[in-house]
């Protein structure tokens, strides 16, 4: 008779399945790639079209957000928060000046709104 494991009352010589890191790495890579592709689609299909209504005003608000310490002053903050969301959707490059960044954003919004 085979000796039993005291905690499980099962034979001790059971084989443990082999750990395969390739499967885990593959799953993680596919998950990350899927999330990245979904976010890119969502930005183009849902988030950026919201700025098509009034892109000039949005870019003016964004310029104030980037250059002033308190852009809204005592005015409503919502338009500035909406404009600031563009910073996360289309980030400024490290070597890009504010005017160049705004030009690139304007072109991207115009391209999206066609």
Protein backbone atom coordinates (compact mmCIF):
# COMPACT_ATOMS: atom_id res chain seq x y z
CA UNK A 1 0.00 0.00 0.00
CA UNK A 2 1.27 3.49 -0.91
CA UNK A 3 1.89 5.98 1.91
CA UNK A 4 -0.76 8.69 2.18
CA UNK A 5 -0.09 12.39 2.46
CA UNK A 6 -1.28 13.43 5.93
CA UNK A 7 -3.14 16.58 4.83
CA UNK A 8 -4.97 15.21 1.78
CA UNK A 9 -5.14 11.45 2.30
CA UNK A 10 -3.85 11.03 -1.24
CA UNK A 11 -0.74 9.19 -2.43
CA UNK A 12 2.44 11.27 -2.02
CA UNK A 13 3.96 10.37 -5.35
CA UNK A 14 1.50 12.34 -7.49
CA UNK A 15 3.11 14.32 -10.27
CA UNK A 16 2.83 18.09 -10.19
CA UNK A 17 2.09 19.67 -13.58
CA UNK A 18 5.11 21.35 -15.08
CA UNK A 19 5.14 25.17 -15.00
CA UNK A 20 5.29 26.61 -18.51
CA UNK A 21 6.22 30.29 -18.46
CA UNK A 22 5.81 30.58 -22.23
CA UNK A 23 2.03 30.26 -21.89
CA UNK A 24 1.92 32.89 -19.16
CA UNK A 25 4.16 35.28 -21.09
CA UNK A 26 2.10 34.75 -24.23
CA UNK A 27 -1.14 35.47 -22.38
CA UNK A 28 0.29 38.65 -20.84
CA UNK A 29 1.65 39.88 -24.19
CA UNK A 30 -1.64 39.23 -25.98
CA UNK A 31 -3.54 40.99 -23.17
CA UNK A 32 -1.29 44.06 -23.29
CA UNK A 33 -1.43 44.22 -27.07
CA UNK A 34 -5.22 43.92 -27.03
CA UNK A 35 -5.56 46.73 -24.50
CA UNK A 36 -3.21 48.95 -26.49
CA UNK A 37 -5.11 48.36 -29.74
CA UNK A 38 -8.47 48.94 -28.03
CA UNK A 39 -7.27 52.23 -26.52
CA UNK A 40 -6.00 53.41 -29.89
CA UNK A 41 -9.36 52.60 -31.47
CA UNK A 42 -11.29 54.25 -28.62
CA UNK A 43 -9.22 57.43 -28.89
CA UNK A 44 -9.87 57.70 -32.61
CA UNK A 45 -13.48 56.57 -32.68
CA UNK A 46 -14.91 58.01 -29.46
CA UNK A 47 -12.69 60.51 -27.65
CA UNK A 48 -11.29 62.71 -30.42
CA UNK A 49 -14.59 63.24 -32.31
CA UNK A 50 -15.89 65.02 -29.20
CA UNK A 51 -13.50 67.87 -30.00
CA UNK A 52 -14.94 68.41 -33.50
CA UNK A 53 -17.69 70.73 -32.26
CA UNK A 54 -15.39 73.65 -31.46
CA UNK A 55 -11.71 72.79 -31.97
CA UNK A 56 -10.49 76.40 -31.98
CA UNK A 57 -11.91 77.16 -28.54
CA UNK A 58 -10.67 73.83 -27.19
CA UNK A 59 -7.13 74.55 -28.39
CA UNK A 60 -7.28 78.05 -26.87
CA UNK A 61 -8.26 76.52 -23.53
CA UNK A 62 -5.50 73.94 -23.84
CA UNK A 63 -2.92 76.65 -24.58
CA UNK A 64 -3.95 78.41 -21.37
CA UNK A 65 -3.72 75.12 -19.46
CA UNK A 66 -0.17 74.61 -20.75
CA UNK A 67 1.08 78.17 -20.24
CA UNK A 68 -0.77 79.70 -17.28
CA UNK A 69 -0.71 78.74 -13.61
CA UNK A 70 -4.48 79.25 -13.12
CA UNK A 71 -6.03 79.20 -16.59
CA UNK A 72 -9.70 79.31 -15.56
CA UNK A 73 -9.28 82.18 -13.05
CA UNK A 74 -12.81 82.59 -11.66
CA UNK A 75 -14.54 81.20 -14.77
CA UNK A 76 -16.02 77.74 -15.24
CA UNK A 77 -13.34 75.05 -15.11
CA UNK A 78 -15.11 72.40 -17.15
CA UNK A 79 -13.95 73.62 -20.61
CA UNK A 80 -10.36 73.66 -19.38
CA UNK A 81 -10.64 70.15 -17.96
CA UNK A 82 -12.08 68.90 -21.23
CA UNK A 83 -9.26 70.56 -23.16
CA UNK A 84 -6.66 69.18 -20.76
CA UNK A 85 -7.83 65.66 -21.55
CA UNK A 86 -6.14 66.09 -24.94
CA UNK A 87 -2.79 66.06 -23.13
CA UNK A 88 -3.44 62.42 -22.24
CA UNK A 89 -4.97 61.43 -25.56
CA UNK A 90 -2.17 62.94 -27.64
CA UNK A 91 0.87 63.59 -25.41
CA UNK A 92 3.37 66.34 -26.08
CA UNK A 93 6.78 65.11 -27.22
CA UNK A 94 9.70 65.91 -24.91
CA UNK A 95 11.43 68.19 -27.44
CA UNK A 96 8.23 69.77 -28.78
CA UNK A 97 7.43 73.41 -28.02
CA UNK A 98 3.90 74.44 -27.01
CA UNK A 99 3.14 76.15 -30.38
CA UNK A 100 4.38 73.09 -32.30
CA UNK A 101 2.33 70.81 -30.05
CA UNK A 102 -0.80 72.88 -30.63
CA UNK A 103 -0.20 72.81 -34.41
CA UNK A 104 0.13 69.03 -34.29
CA UNK A 105 -3.05 68.75 -32.21
CA UNK A 106 -4.94 71.05 -34.58
CA UNK A 107 -3.88 68.91 -37.53
CA UNK A 108 -4.85 65.70 -35.74
CA UNK A 109 -8.27 67.04 -34.76
CA UNK A 110 -8.91 68.32 -38.30
CA UNK A 111 -7.89 64.93 -39.68
CA UNK A 112 -10.22 63.19 -37.24
CA UNK A 113 -13.17 65.50 -37.99
CA UNK A 114 -13.15 64.96 -41.76
